[in-house]
PDB file of all heavy atoms in Angstrom:
ATOM      1  N   ILE A   1       4.145  -5.258  -1.903  1.00  0.00           N
ATOM      2  CA  ILE A   1       5.028  -5.646  -0.795  1.00  0.00           C
ATOM      3  C   ILE A   1       4.243  -5.766   0.506  1.00  0.00           C
ATOM      4  O   ILE A   1       4.431  -6.704   1.273  1.00  0.00           O
ATOM      5  CB  ILE A   1       6.203  -4.658  -0.651  1.00  0.00           C
ATOM      6  CG1 ILE A   1       7.157  -4.827  -1.831  1.00  0.00           C
ATOM      7  CG2 ILE A   1       6.941  -4.855   0.664  1.00  0.00           C
ATOM      8  CD1 ILE A   1       8.253  -3.785  -1.910  1.00  0.00           C
ATOM      9  N   SER A   2       3.343  -4.824   0.749  1.00  0.00           N
ATOM     10  CA  SER A   2       2.523  -4.880   1.962  1.00  0.00           C
ATOM     11  C   SER A   2       1.668  -6.144   1.985  1.00  0.00           C
ATOM     12  O   SER A   2       1.564  -6.813   3.020  1.00  0.00           O
ATOM     13  CB  SER A   2       1.638  -3.645   2.061  1.00  0.00           C
ATOM     14  OG  SER A   2       0.772  -3.744   3.159  1.00  0.00           O
ATOM     15  N   ALA A   3       1.078  -6.473   0.850  1.00  0.00           N
ATOM     16  CA  ALA A   3       0.236  -7.671   0.777  1.00  0.00           C
ATOM     17  C   ALA A   3       1.059  -8.939   0.991  1.00  0.00           C
ATOM     18  O   ALA A   3       0.598  -9.884   1.640  1.00  0.00           O
ATOM     19  CB  ALA A   3      -0.486  -7.732  -0.561  1.00  0.00           C
ATOM     20  N   GLN A   4       2.268  -8.968   0.456  1.00  0.00           N
ATOM     21  CA  GLN A   4       3.102 -10.168   0.548  1.00  0.00           C
ATOM     22  C   GLN A   4       3.752 -10.347   1.911  1.00  0.00           C
ATOM     23  O   GLN A   4       3.986 -11.473   2.352  1.00  0.00           O
ATOM     24  CB  GLN A   4       4.191 -10.134  -0.532  1.00  0.00           C
ATOM     25  CG  GLN A   4       3.661 -10.156  -1.952  1.00  0.00           C
ATOM     26  CD  GLN A   4       2.789 -11.361  -2.230  1.00  0.00           C
ATOM     27  OE1 GLN A   4       3.159 -12.491  -1.940  1.00  0.00           O
ATOM     28  NE2 GLN A   4       1.613 -11.127  -2.789  1.00  0.00           N
ATOM     29  N   THR A   5       4.069  -9.229   2.585  1.00  0.00           N
ATOM     30  CA  THR A   5       4.805  -9.304   3.857  1.00  0.00           C
ATOM     31  C   THR A   5       3.934  -9.076   5.081  1.00  0.00           C
ATOM     32  O   THR A   5       4.396  -9.274   6.203  1.00  0.00           O
ATOM     33  CB  THR A   5       5.939  -8.265   3.875  1.00  0.00           C
ATOM     34  OG1 THR A   5       5.362  -6.952   3.800  1.00  0.00           O
ATOM     35  CG2 THR A   5       6.923  -8.492   2.740  1.00  0.00           C
ATOM     36  N   SER A   6       2.704  -8.600   4.890  1.00  0.00           N
ATOM     37  CA  SER A   6       1.801  -8.227   5.992  1.00  0.00           C
ATOM     38  C   SER A   6       2.363  -7.107   6.856  1.00  0.00           C
ATOM     39  O   SER A   6       1.980  -6.955   8.013  1.00  0.00           O
ATOM     40  CB  SER A   6       1.477  -9.439   6.867  1.00  0.00           C
ATOM     41  OG  SER A   6       0.807 -10.415   6.110  1.00  0.00           O
ATOM     42  N   VAL A   7       3.270  -6.321   6.310  1.00  0.00           N
ATOM     43  CA  VAL A   7       3.815  -5.169   7.022  1.00  0.00           C
ATOM     44  C   VAL A   7       3.036  -3.930   6.585  1.00  0.00           C
ATOM     45  O   VAL A   7       2.928  -3.661   5.384  1.00  0.00           O
ATOM     46  CB  VAL A   7       5.323  -4.982   6.709  1.00  0.00           C
ATOM     47  CG1 VAL A   7       5.844  -3.683   7.311  1.00  0.00           C
ATOM     48  CG2 VAL A   7       6.125  -6.160   7.231  1.00  0.00           C
ATOM     49  N   PRO A   8       2.492  -3.176   7.545  1.00  0.00           N
ATOM     50  CA  PRO A   8       1.792  -1.942   7.176  1.00  0.00           C
ATOM     51  C   PRO A   8       2.767  -0.932   6.569  1.00  0.00           C
ATOM     52  O   PRO A   8       3.868  -0.737   7.071  1.00  0.00           O
ATOM     53  CB  PRO A   8       1.247  -1.408   8.502  1.00  0.00           C
ATOM     54  CG  PRO A   8       1.303  -2.559   9.439  1.00  0.00           C
ATOM     55  CD  PRO A   8       2.422  -3.434   8.975  1.00  0.00           C
ATOM     56  N   ILE A   9       2.352  -0.313   5.464  1.00  0.00           N
ATOM     57  CA  ILE A   9       3.158   0.709   4.797  1.00  0.00           C
ATOM     58  C   ILE A   9       2.289   1.944   4.624  1.00  0.00           C
ATOM     59  O   ILE A   9       1.134   1.854   4.205  1.00  0.00           O
ATOM     60  CB  ILE A   9       3.669   0.224   3.428  1.00  0.00           C
ATOM     61  CG1 ILE A   9       4.554  -1.016   3.585  1.00  0.00           C
ATOM     62  CG2 ILE A   9       4.439   1.340   2.713  1.00  0.00           C
ATOM     63  CD1 ILE A   9       5.038  -1.621   2.273  1.00  0.00           C
ATOM     64  N   ILE A  10       2.850   3.100   4.965  1.00  0.00           N
ATOM     65  CA  ILE A  10       2.151   4.372   4.803  1.00  0.00           C
ATOM     66  C   ILE A  10       2.906   5.184   3.758  1.00  0.00           C
ATOM     67  O   ILE A  10       4.087   5.472   3.927  1.00  0.00           O
ATOM     68  CB  ILE A  10       2.081   5.162   6.126  1.00  0.00           C
ATOM     69  CG1 ILE A  10       1.356   4.339   7.188  1.00  0.00           C
ATOM     70  CG2 ILE A  10       1.408   6.508   5.915  1.00  0.00           C
ATOM     71  CD1 ILE A  10       1.396   4.938   8.575  1.00  0.00           C
ATOM     72  N   GLY A  11       2.247   5.534   2.661  1.00  0.00           N
ATOM     73  CA  GLY A  11       2.818   6.387   1.624  1.00  0.00           C
ATOM     74  C   GLY A  11       2.408   7.816   1.869  1.00  0.00           C
ATOM     75  O   GLY A  11       1.221   8.113   1.937  1.00  0.00           O
ATOM     76  N   VAL A  12       3.390   8.715   2.037  1.00  0.00           N
ATOM     77  CA  VAL A  12       3.062  10.079   2.440  1.00  0.00           C
ATOM     78  C   VAL A  12       3.315  11.144   1.380  1.00  0.00           C
ATOM     79  O   VAL A  12       2.886  12.279   1.546  1.00  0.00           O
ATOM     80  CB  VAL A  12       3.809  10.478   3.739  1.00  0.00           C
ATOM     81  CG1 VAL A  12       3.352   9.628   4.894  1.00  0.00           C
ATOM     82  CG2 VAL A  12       5.318  10.390   3.569  1.00  0.00           C
ATOM     83  N   ASN A  13       4.019  10.813   0.311  1.00  0.00           N
ATOM     84  CA  ASN A  13       4.312  11.847  -0.684  1.00  0.00           C
ATOM     85  C   ASN A  13       4.729  11.194  -1.989  1.00  0.00           C
ATOM     86  O   ASN A  13       5.162  10.054  -2.018  1.00  0.00           O
ATOM     87  CB  ASN A  13       5.435  12.760  -0.179  1.00  0.00           C
ATOM     88  CG  ASN A  13       5.620  13.986  -1.043  1.00  0.00           C
ATOM     89  OD1 ASN A  13       4.667  14.519  -1.585  1.00  0.00           O
ATOM     90  ND2 ASN A  13       6.850  14.431  -1.185  1.00  0.00           N
ATOM     91  N   GLY A  14       4.615  11.937  -3.071  1.00  0.00           N
ATOM     92  CA  GLY A  14       5.092  11.474  -4.366  1.00  0.00           C
ATOM     93  C   GLY A  14       4.276  10.317  -4.899  1.00  0.00           C
ATOM     94  O   GLY A  14       3.076  10.202  -4.667  1.00  0.00           O
ATOM     95  N   GLY A  15       4.955   9.421  -5.606  1.00  0.00           N
ATOM     96  CA  GLY A  15       4.295   8.279  -6.220  1.00  0.00           C
ATOM     97  C   GLY A  15       3.673   7.348  -5.207  1.00  0.00           C
ATOM     98  O   GLY A  15       2.666   6.699  -5.486  1.00  0.00           O
ATOM     99  N   SER A  16       4.241   7.280  -4.013  1.00  0.00           N
ATOM    100  CA  SER A  16       3.688   6.386  -2.995  1.00  0.00           C
ATOM    101  C   SER A  16       2.339   6.859  -2.474  1.00  0.00           C
ATOM    102  O   SER A  16       1.589   6.090  -1.898  1.00  0.00           O
ATOM    103  CB  SER A  16       4.670   6.221  -1.834  1.00  0.00           C
ATOM    104  OG  SER A  16       4.847   7.446  -1.144  1.00  0.00           O
ATOM    105  N   ALA A  17       2.025   8.135  -2.678  1.00  0.00           N
ATOM    106  CA  ALA A  17       0.756   8.683  -2.187  1.00  0.00           C
ATOM    107  C   ALA A  17      -0.301   8.794  -3.285  1.00  0.00           C
ATOM    108  O   ALA A  17      -1.410   9.248  -3.022  1.00  0.00           O
ATOM    109  CB  ALA A  17       0.989  10.048  -1.545  1.00  0.00           C
ATOM    110  N   ILE A  18       0.030   8.379  -4.508  1.00  0.00           N
ATOM    111  CA  ILE A  18      -0.976   8.382  -5.571  1.00  0.00           C
ATOM    112  C   ILE A  18      -1.977   7.283  -5.243  1.00  0.00           C
ATOM    113  O   ILE A  18      -1.630   6.116  -5.148  1.00  0.00           O
ATOM    114  CB  ILE A  18      -0.328   8.160  -6.951  1.00  0.00           C
ATOM    115  CG1 ILE A  18       0.563   9.354  -7.310  1.00  0.00           C
ATOM    116  CG2 ILE A  18      -1.399   7.956  -8.016  1.00  0.00           C
ATOM    117  CD1 ILE A  18       1.324   9.192  -8.601  1.00  0.00           C
ATOM    118  N   VAL A  19      -3.210   7.654  -5.048  1.00  0.00           N
ATOM    119  CA  VAL A  19      -4.213   6.747  -4.514  1.00  0.00           C
ATOM    120  C   VAL A  19      -4.537   5.627  -5.503  1.00  0.00           C
ATOM    121  O   VAL A  19      -4.860   5.877  -6.656  1.00  0.00           O
ATOM    122  CB  VAL A  19      -5.490   7.510  -4.126  1.00  0.00           C
ATOM    123  CG1 VAL A  19      -6.549   6.564  -3.614  1.00  0.00           C
ATOM    124  CG2 VAL A  19      -5.165   8.576  -3.082  1.00  0.00           C
ATOM    125  N   LEU A  20      -4.421   4.395  -5.013  1.00  0.00           N
ATOM    126  CA  LEU A  20      -4.755   3.200  -5.794  1.00  0.00           C
ATOM    127  C   LEU A  20      -6.094   2.647  -5.337  1.00  0.00           C
ATOM    128  O   LEU A  20      -6.352   2.566  -4.151  1.00  0.00           O
ATOM    129  CB  LEU A  20      -3.737   2.095  -5.533  1.00  0.00           C
ATOM    130  CG  LEU A  20      -2.310   2.269  -5.987  1.00  0.00           C
ATOM    131  CD1 LEU A  20      -1.493   1.059  -5.543  1.00  0.00           C
ATOM    132  CD2 LEU A  20      -2.238   2.398  -7.478  1.00  0.00           C
ATOM    133  N   THR A  21      -6.903   2.271  -6.273  1.00  0.00           N
ATOM    134  CA  THR A  21      -8.111   1.522  -5.951  1.00  0.00           C
ATOM    135  C   THR A  21      -8.317   0.501  -7.045  1.00  0.00           C
ATOM    136  O   THR A  21      -8.223   0.854  -8.215  1.00  0.00           O
ATOM    137  CB  THR A  21      -9.348   2.435  -5.861  1.00  0.00           C
ATOM    138  OG1 THR A  21      -9.443   3.199  -7.049  1.00  0.00           O
ATOM    139  CG2 THR A  21      -9.290   3.352  -4.673  1.00  0.00           C
ATOM    140  N   PRO A  22      -8.570  -0.705  -6.763  1.00  0.00           N
ATOM    141  CA  PRO A  22      -8.546  -1.314  -5.430  1.00  0.00           C
ATOM    142  C   PRO A  22      -7.125  -1.725  -5.052  1.00  0.00           C
ATOM    143  O   PRO A  22      -6.237  -1.767  -5.890  1.00  0.00           O
ATOM    144  CB  PRO A  22      -9.431  -2.546  -5.606  1.00  0.00           C
ATOM    145  CG  PRO A  22      -9.222  -2.941  -7.038  1.00  0.00           C
ATOM    146  CD  PRO A  22      -9.013  -1.636  -7.801  1.00  0.00           C
ATOM    147  N   LYS A  23      -6.958  -2.071  -3.791  1.00  0.00           N
ATOM    148  CA  LYS A  23      -5.675  -2.535  -3.281  1.00  0.00           C
ATOM    149  C   LYS A  23      -5.586  -4.050  -3.418  1.00  0.00           C
ATOM    150  O   LYS A  23      -6.576  -4.740  -3.597  1.00  0.00           O
ATOM    151  CB  LYS A  23      -5.533  -2.156  -1.798  1.00  0.00           C
ATOM    152  CG  LYS A  23      -5.654  -0.668  -1.505  1.00  0.00           C
ATOM    153  CD  LYS A  23      -4.312  -0.034  -1.447  1.00  0.00           C
ATOM    154  CE  LYS A  23      -4.287   1.348  -0.843  1.00  0.00           C
ATOM    155  NZ  LYS A  23      -4.970   2.381  -1.534  1.00  0.00           N
ATOM    156  N   GLU A  24      -4.345  -4.548  -3.308  1.00  0.00           N
ATOM    157  CA  GLU A  24      -4.117  -6.002  -3.317  1.00  0.00           C
ATOM    158  C   GLU A  24      -4.831  -6.621  -2.119  1.00  0.00           C
ATOM    159  O   GLU A  24      -4.913  -6.013  -1.049  1.00  0.00           O
ATOM    160  CB  GLU A  24      -2.620  -6.316  -3.183  1.00  0.00           C
ATOM    161  CG  GLU A  24      -1.783  -5.978  -4.383  1.00  0.00           C
ATOM    162  CD  GLU A  24      -1.833  -7.049  -5.442  1.00  0.00           C
ATOM    163  OE1 GLU A  24      -2.056  -8.232  -5.123  1.00  0.00           O
ATOM    164  OE2 GLU A  24      -1.645  -6.695  -6.615  1.00  0.00           O
ATOM    165  N   LYS A  25      -5.313  -7.846  -2.275  1.00  0.00           N
ATOM    166  CA  LYS A  25      -5.936  -8.555  -1.166  1.00  0.00           C
ATOM    167  C   LYS A  25      -4.897  -8.767  -0.068  1.00  0.00           C
ATOM    168  O   LYS A  25      -3.790  -9.229  -0.331  1.00  0.00           O
ATOM    169  CB  LYS A  25      -6.479  -9.897  -1.644  1.00  0.00           C
ATOM    170  CG  LYS A  25      -7.223 -10.632  -0.575  1.00  0.00           C
ATOM    171  CD  LYS A  25      -7.857 -11.897  -1.093  1.00  0.00           C
ATOM    172  CE  LYS A  25      -8.533 -12.552   0.094  1.00  0.00           C
ATOM    173  NZ  LYS A  25      -9.526 -13.484  -0.274  1.00  0.00           N
ATOM    174  N   GLY A  26      -5.237  -8.415   1.158  1.00  0.00           N
ATOM    175  CA  GLY A  26      -4.331  -8.575   2.294  1.00  0.00           C
ATOM    176  C   GLY A  26      -3.392  -7.412   2.505  1.00  0.00           C
ATOM    177  O   GLY A  26      -2.586  -7.402   3.431  1.00  0.00           O
ATOM    178  N   SER A  27      -3.479  -6.393   1.656  1.00  0.00           N
ATOM    179  CA  SER A  27      -2.598  -5.231   1.774  1.00  0.00           C
ATOM    180  C   SER A  27      -2.994  -4.366   2.966  1.00  0.00           C
ATOM    181  O   SER A  27      -4.170  -4.177   3.250  1.00  0.00           O
ATOM    182  CB  SER A  27      -2.682  -4.395   0.499  1.00  0.00           C
ATOM    183  OG  SER A  27      -1.988  -3.177   0.652  1.00  0.00           O
ATOM    184  N   THR A  28      -1.986  -3.847   3.642  1.00  0.00           N
ATOM    185  CA  THR A  28      -2.202  -2.846   4.691  1.00  0.00           C
ATOM    186  C   THR A  28      -1.424  -1.596   4.306  1.00  0.00           C
ATOM    187  O   THR A  28      -0.630  -1.068   5.056  1.00  0.00           O
ATOM    188  CB  THR A  28      -1.772  -3.370   6.071  1.00  0.00           C
ATOM    189  OG1 THR A  28      -0.432  -3.853   5.990  1.00  0.00           O
ATOM    190  CG2 THR A  28      -2.694  -4.466   6.562  1.00  0.00           C
ATOM    191  N   PHE A  29      -1.654  -1.158   3.088  1.00  0.00           N
ATOM    192  CA  PHE A  29      -0.975   0.000   2.515  1.00  0.00           C
ATOM    193  C   PHE A  29      -1.903   1.201   2.620  1.00  0.00           C
ATOM    194  O   PHE A  29      -2.963   1.242   1.996  1.00  0.00           O
ATOM    195  CB  PHE A  29      -0.607  -0.296   1.064  1.00  0.00           C
ATOM    196  CG  PHE A  29       0.106   0.812   0.343  1.00  0.00           C
ATOM    197  CD1 PHE A  29       1.050   1.595   0.965  1.00  0.00           C
ATOM    198  CD2 PHE A  29      -0.167   1.052  -0.999  1.00  0.00           C
ATOM    199  CE1 PHE A  29       1.716   2.601   0.285  1.00  0.00           C
ATOM    200  CE2 PHE A  29       0.491   2.043  -1.693  1.00  0.00           C
ATOM    201  CZ  PHE A  29       1.437   2.821  -1.049  1.00  0.00           C
TER     202      PHE A  29
END
């Protein structure tokens, strides 16, 4: 969603904070 919308998203807990590598191109997650 961050990559598609260019909206910065911050994941702070739970599944959203499980570290992904690499990120989608253009993501600001």
